[in-house]
Amino acid sequence: MISENGSVLICIDEYNEGEMSGRIYSMSESEPEHFSSAIKLVKQVGRIIDEGNGPQSTMKVRKFFKNKQEEEIKNNQNQTDKTVDNKKVTTAKINAHGKEATFRVRIMFRQNASWQGMVYWAEKNREENFRSVLELLMLIDSSFAESQAAKGVNKDELHAVGM
């Protein structure tokens, strides 16, 4: 269930050699957000946490260029206190599953320009803590390596056959 602040449900529908796509469910959104790469996943989850009632970042993310739209969003957030409408939580969110894998991610802290928290792999009923966004992505990636090994797919054999 995605009832806690800072929690998202990540449904991965496609995975191919480290590239993933799928849907993100959160308490603050009535519809799932779609992502088509790991970087888009990270950006969208970051935005959801920024806009919701998740843990506050201890550092400002630096960028090469400032965006006027981001400044407007920041000003609007300071003027209004966003509340989460509990009616947005639907049965579809609770029962959502990715075609390839499903992960419930709870971001508990945002320190050192990264995230710290817990990831739960629904299909295997396994839970791990992570200390950074990179470690979270590596944990998700390792789940696919384990799944492929269980299916008897050896990456080296695929390359040897020309796939």
C-alpha atoms as a PDB file:
ATOM      1  CA  MET A   1       0.000   0.000   0.000  1.00  0.00           C
ATOM      2  CA  ILE A   2       1.235   3.532  -0.679  1.00  0.00           C
ATOM      3  CA  SER A   3      -0.294   5.305   2.285  1.00  0.00           C
ATOM      4  CA  GLU A   4       2.843   6.847   3.790  1.00  0.00           C
ATOM      5  CA  ASN A   5       4.300  10.196   2.807  1.00  0.00           C
ATOM      6  CA  GLY A   6       7.400   9.756   0.709  1.00  0.00           C
ATOM      7  CA  SER A   7       6.159   6.431  -0.689  1.00  0.00           C
ATOM      8  CA  VAL A   8       5.639   5.534  -4.322  1.00  0.00           C
ATOM      9  CA  LEU A   9       4.741   2.348  -6.156  1.00  0.00           C
ATOM     10  CA  ILE A  10       6.956   1.701  -9.188  1.00  0.00           C
ATOM     11  CA  CYS A  11       5.512  -0.673 -11.776  1.00  0.00           C
ATOM     12  CA  ILE A  12       8.120  -1.661 -14.353  1.00  0.00           C
ATOM     13  CA  ASP A  13       6.449  -2.810 -17.548  1.00  0.00           C
ATOM     14  CA  GLU A  14       9.542  -3.154 -19.758  1.00  0.00           C
ATOM     15  CA  TYR A  15      13.190  -3.829 -18.971  1.00  0.00           C
ATOM     16  CA  ASN A  16      16.022  -4.292 -21.445  1.00  0.00           C
ATOM     17  CA  GLU A  17      19.701  -4.210 -20.425  1.00  0.00           C
ATOM     18  CA  GLY A  18      19.324  -1.558 -17.754  1.00  0.00           C
ATOM     19  CA  GLU A  19      16.710   0.535 -19.528  1.00  0.00           C
ATOM     20  CA  MET A  20      13.277   0.455 -17.963  1.00  0.00           C
ATOM     21  CA  SER A  21       9.858   1.965 -18.492  1.00  0.00           C
ATOM     22  CA  GLY A  22       6.607   1.823 -16.611  1.00  0.00           C
ATOM     23  CA  ARG A  23       4.340   3.682 -14.195  1.00  0.00           C
ATOM     24  CA  ILE A  24       4.671   5.483 -10.878  1.00  0.00           C
ATOM     25  CA  TYR A  25       1.753   5.622  -8.429  1.00  0.00           C
ATOM     26  CA  SER A  26       1.644   8.014  -5.488  1.00  0.00           C
ATOM     27  CA  MET A  27      -0.793   9.361  -2.920  1.00  0.00           C
ATOM     28  CA  SER A  28      -0.588  12.852  -4.387  1.00  0.00           C
ATOM     29  CA  GLU A  29      -1.518  11.924  -7.972  1.00  0.00           C
ATOM     30  CA  SER A  30      -4.881  10.636  -9.166  1.00  0.00           C
ATOM     31  CA  GLU A  31      -3.369   8.964 -12.240  1.00  0.00           C
ATOM     32  CA  PRO A  32      -0.075   7.117 -12.662  1.00  0.00           C
ATOM     33  CA  GLU A  33       2.949   8.941 -14.040  1.00  0.00           C
ATOM     34  CA  HIS A  34       4.635   7.171 -16.957  1.00  0.00           C
ATOM     35  CA  PHE A  35       8.412   6.978 -17.308  1.00  0.00           C
ATOM     36  CA  SER A  36      10.577   5.716 -20.160  1.00  0.00           C
ATOM     37  CA  SER A  37      14.064   5.658 -18.595  1.00  0.00           C
ATOM     38  CA  ALA A  38      15.811   5.477 -15.238  1.00  0.00           C
ATOM     39  CA  ILE A  39      16.621   9.209 -15.277  1.00  0.00           C
ATOM     40  CA  LYS A  40      12.974  10.071 -15.969  1.00  0.00           C
ATOM     41  CA  LEU A  41      11.961   7.757 -13.116  1.00  0.00           C
ATOM     42  CA  VAL A  42      14.304   9.585 -10.722  1.00  0.00           C
ATOM     43  CA  LYS A  43      13.160  13.030 -11.871  1.00  0.00           C
ATOM     44  CA  GLN A  44       9.466  12.166 -11.589  1.00  0.00           C
ATOM     45  CA  VAL A  45       9.782  10.555  -8.159  1.00  0.00           C
ATOM     46  CA  GLY A  46      11.803  13.592  -7.026  1.00  0.00           C
ATOM     47  CA  ARG A  47       9.084  15.934  -8.272  1.00  0.00           C
ATOM     48  CA  ILE A  48       6.359  13.863  -6.578  1.00  0.00           C
ATOM     49  CA  ILE A  49       8.263  13.998  -3.271  1.00  0.00           C
ATOM     50  CA  ASP A  50       8.908  17.748  -3.677  1.00  0.00           C
ATOM     51  CA  GLU A  51       5.239  18.479  -4.352  1.00  0.00           C
ATOM     52  CA  GLY A  52       3.869  16.088  -1.743  1.00  0.00           C
ATOM     53  CA  ASN A  53       4.367  15.834   1.975  1.00  0.00           C
ATOM     54  CA  GLY A  54       7.525  13.734   1.758  1.00  0.00           C
ATOM     55  CA  PRO A  55      10.823  14.378   3.489  1.00  0.00           C
ATOM     56  CA  GLN A  56      12.367  17.764   2.750  1.00  0.00           C
ATOM     57  CA  SER A  57      15.665  17.911   0.938  1.00  0.00           C
ATOM     58  CA  THR A  58      18.622  19.127   2.988  1.00  0.00           C
ATOM     59  CA  MET A  59      20.351  20.487  -0.130  1.00  0.00           C
ATOM     60  CA  LYS A  60      19.259  22.429  -3.173  1.00  0.00           C
ATOM     61  CA  VAL A  61      19.876  20.551  -6.420  1.00  0.00           C
ATOM     62  CA  ARG A  62      22.239  22.531  -8.612  1.00  0.00           C
ATOM     63  CA  LYS A  63      21.712  22.990 -12.334  1.00  0.00           C
ATOM     64  CA  PHE A  64      23.579  24.651 -15.150  1.00  0.00           C
ATOM     65  CA  PHE A  65      20.549  26.754 -16.135  1.00  0.00           C
ATOM     66  CA  LYS A  66      17.623  28.152 -14.158  1.00  0.00           C
ATOM     67  CA  ASN A  67      14.135  27.451 -15.417  1.00  0.00           C
ATOM     68  CA  LYS A  68      11.410  30.149 -15.140  1.00  0.00           C
ATOM     69  CA  GLN A  69       8.740  27.465 -14.762  1.00  0.00           C
ATOM     70  CA  GLU A  70      10.571  26.015 -11.746  1.00  0.00           C
ATOM     71  CA  GLU A  71      10.721  29.464 -10.138  1.00  0.00           C
ATOM     72  CA  GLU A  72       6.949  29.857 -10.632  1.00  0.00           C
ATOM     73  CA  ILE A  73       6.298  26.423  -9.100  1.00  0.00           C
ATOM     74  CA  LYS A  74       8.512  27.316  -6.131  1.00  0.00           C
ATOM     75  CA  ASN A  75       6.634  30.595  -5.602  1.00  0.00           C
ATOM     76  CA  ASN A  76       3.257  28.837  -5.826  1.00  0.00           C
ATOM     77  CA  GLN A  77       4.353  26.181  -3.319  1.00  0.00           C
ATOM     78  CA  ASN A  78       5.381  28.855  -0.849  1.00  0.00           C
ATOM     79  CA  GLN A  79       1.989  30.577  -1.159  1.00  0.00           C
ATOM     80  CA  THR A  80      -0.241  27.525  -0.753  1.00  0.00           C
ATOM     81  CA  ASP A  81      -0.006  24.501   1.491  1.00  0.00           C
ATOM     82  CA  LYS A  82      -0.750  21.415  -0.622  1.00  0.00           C
ATOM     83  CA  THR A  83      -2.888  18.791   1.052  1.00  0.00           C
ATOM     84  CA  VAL A  84      -3.393  15.253  -0.168  1.00  0.00           C
ATOM     85  CA  ASP A  85      -6.940  14.246  -1.040  1.00  0.00           C
ATOM     86  CA  ASN A  86      -7.410  10.748   0.375  1.00  0.00           C
ATOM     87  CA  LYS A  87     -10.209  10.136  -2.123  1.00  0.00           C
ATOM     88  CA  LYS A  88      -7.566   9.871  -4.854  1.00  0.00           C
ATOM     89  CA  VAL A  89      -6.391   6.529  -3.517  1.00  0.00           C
ATOM     90  CA  THR A  90      -8.075   3.908  -5.639  1.00  0.00           C
ATOM     91  CA  THR A  91      -8.133   0.144  -5.594  1.00  0.00           C
ATOM     92  CA  ALA A  92      -6.236   0.230  -8.882  1.00  0.00           C
ATOM     93  CA  LYS A  93      -3.262   1.853  -7.123  1.00  0.00           C
ATOM     94  CA  ILE A  94      -3.191  -0.719  -4.378  1.00  0.00           C
ATOM     95  CA  ASN A  95      -3.470  -3.633  -6.821  1.00  0.00           C
ATOM     96  CA  ALA A  96      -1.200  -2.188  -9.530  1.00  0.00           C
ATOM     97  CA  HIS A  97       1.586  -4.474 -10.735  1.00  0.00           C
ATOM     98  CA  GLY A  98       4.245  -4.030 -13.371  1.00  0.00           C
ATOM     99  CA  LYS A  99       4.486  -6.507 -16.243  1.00  0.00           C
ATOM    100  CA  GLU A 100       8.130  -7.155 -15.295  1.00  0.00           C
ATOM    101  CA  ALA A 101       8.382  -6.115 -11.630  1.00  0.00           C
ATOM    102  CA  THR A 102       6.774  -4.034  -8.884  1.00  0.00           C
ATOM    103  CA  PHE A 103       8.604  -2.062  -6.206  1.00  0.00           C
ATOM    104  CA  ARG A 104       7.264  -0.049  -3.285  1.00  0.00           C
ATOM    105  CA  VAL A 105       9.772   2.657  -2.445  1.00  0.00           C
ATOM    106  CA  ARG A 106       9.666   4.652   0.768  1.00  0.00           C
ATOM    107  CA  ILE A 107      11.972   7.638   0.862  1.00  0.00           C
ATOM    108  CA  MET A 108      12.604   8.380   4.523  1.00  0.00           C
ATOM    109  CA  PHE A 109      15.416  10.940   4.230  1.00  0.00           C
ATOM    110  CA  ARG A 110      16.839  13.259   1.588  1.00  0.00           C
ATOM    111  CA  GLN A 111      20.373  14.012   2.676  1.00  0.00           C
ATOM    112  CA  ASN A 112      23.653  14.633   0.840  1.00  0.00           C
ATOM    113  CA  ALA A 113      21.792  15.449  -2.405  1.00  0.00           C
ATOM    114  CA  SER A 114      20.317  11.931  -2.540  1.00  0.00           C
ATOM    115  CA  TRP A 115      17.584   9.702  -1.098  1.00  0.00           C
ATOM    116  CA  GLN A 116      17.713   7.190   1.712  1.00  0.00           C
ATOM    117  CA  GLY A 117      14.969   4.710   2.413  1.00  0.00           C
ATOM    118  CA  MET A 118      13.541   1.255   1.825  1.00  0.00           C
ATOM    119  CA  VAL A 119      12.587  -0.641  -1.320  1.00  0.00           C
ATOM    120  CA  TYR A 120      10.229  -3.617  -1.275  1.00  0.00           C
ATOM    121  CA  TRP A 121      10.243  -6.040  -4.241  1.00  0.00           C
ATOM    122  CA  ALA A 122       6.633  -7.272  -4.354  1.00  0.00           C
ATOM    123  CA  GLU A 123       7.103 -10.364  -6.529  1.00  0.00           C
ATOM    124  CA  LYS A 124       9.802 -11.855  -4.278  1.00  0.00           C
ATOM    125  CA  ASN A 125       8.543 -10.413  -0.972  1.00  0.00           C
ATOM    126  CA  ARG A 126      12.011  -8.969  -0.301  1.00  0.00           C
ATOM    127  CA  GLU A 127      12.974  -5.696   1.307  1.00  0.00           C
ATOM    128  CA  GLU A 128      16.267  -3.779   1.291  1.00  0.00           C
ATOM    129  CA  ASN A 129      17.391  -0.404   2.583  1.00  0.00           C
ATOM    130  CA  PHE A 130      19.180   1.982   0.233  1.00  0.00           C
ATOM    131  CA  ARG A 131      21.521   4.886   0.992  1.00  0.00           C
ATOM    132  CA  SER A 132      21.394   6.725  -2.342  1.00  0.00           C
ATOM    133  CA  VAL A 133      19.460   6.994  -5.580  1.00  0.00           C
ATOM    134  CA  LEU A 134      22.279   5.104  -7.304  1.00  0.00           C
ATOM    135  CA  GLU A 135      22.017   2.255  -4.806  1.00  0.00           C
ATOM    136  CA  LEU A 136      18.214   2.151  -5.301  1.00  0.00           C
ATOM    137  CA  LEU A 137      18.678   1.867  -9.073  1.00  0.00           C
ATOM    138  CA  MET A 138      21.344  -0.829  -8.604  1.00  0.00           C
ATOM    139  CA  LEU A 139      18.980  -2.821  -6.359  1.00  0.00           C
ATOM    140  CA  ILE A 140      16.212  -2.595  -8.961  1.00  0.00           C
ATOM    141  CA  ASP A 141      18.667  -3.572 -11.703  1.00  0.00           C
ATOM    142  CA  SER A 142      19.941  -6.528  -9.654  1.00  0.00           C
ATOM    143  CA  SER A 143      16.394  -7.861  -9.396  1.00  0.00           C
ATOM    144  CA  PHE A 144      16.329  -8.255 -13.166  1.00  0.00           C
ATOM    145  CA  ALA A 145      19.724  -9.986 -13.206  1.00  0.00           C
ATOM    146  CA  GLU A 146      18.356 -12.447 -10.644  1.00  0.00           C
ATOM    147  CA  SER A 147      15.153 -12.925 -12.643  1.00  0.00           C
ATOM    148  CA  GLN A 148      17.072 -13.570 -15.864  1.00  0.00           C
ATOM    149  CA  ALA A 149      19.383 -16.032 -14.102  1.00  0.00           C
ATOM    150  CA  ALA A 150      16.351 -17.879 -12.753  1.00  0.00           C
ATOM    151  CA  LYS A 151      14.981 -18.135 -16.287  1.00  0.00           C
ATOM    152  CA  GLY A 152      18.292 -19.571 -17.469  1.00  0.00           C
ATOM    153  CA  VAL A 153      19.178 -16.554 -19.585  1.00  0.00           C
ATOM    154  CA  ASN A 154      22.911 -15.970 -19.687  1.00  0.00           C
ATOM    155  CA  LYS A 155      23.901 -12.597 -21.152  1.00  0.00           C
ATOM    156  CA  ASP A 156      27.219 -13.977 -22.487  1.00  0.00           C
ATOM    157  CA  GLU A 157      25.396 -16.806 -24.279  1.00  0.00           C
ATOM    158  CA  LEU A 158      23.072 -14.302 -25.953  1.00  0.00           C
ATOM    159  CA  HIS A 159      26.037 -12.309 -27.262  1.00  0.00           C
ATOM    160  CA  ALA A 160      27.772 -15.466 -28.486  1.00  0.00           C
ATOM    161  CA  VAL A 161      24.719 -16.374 -30.565  1.00  0.00           C
ATOM    162  CA  GLY A 162      24.541 -12.846 -31.998  1.00  0.00           C
ATOM    163  CA  MET A 163      21.549 -11.523 -30.062  1.00  0.00           C
END
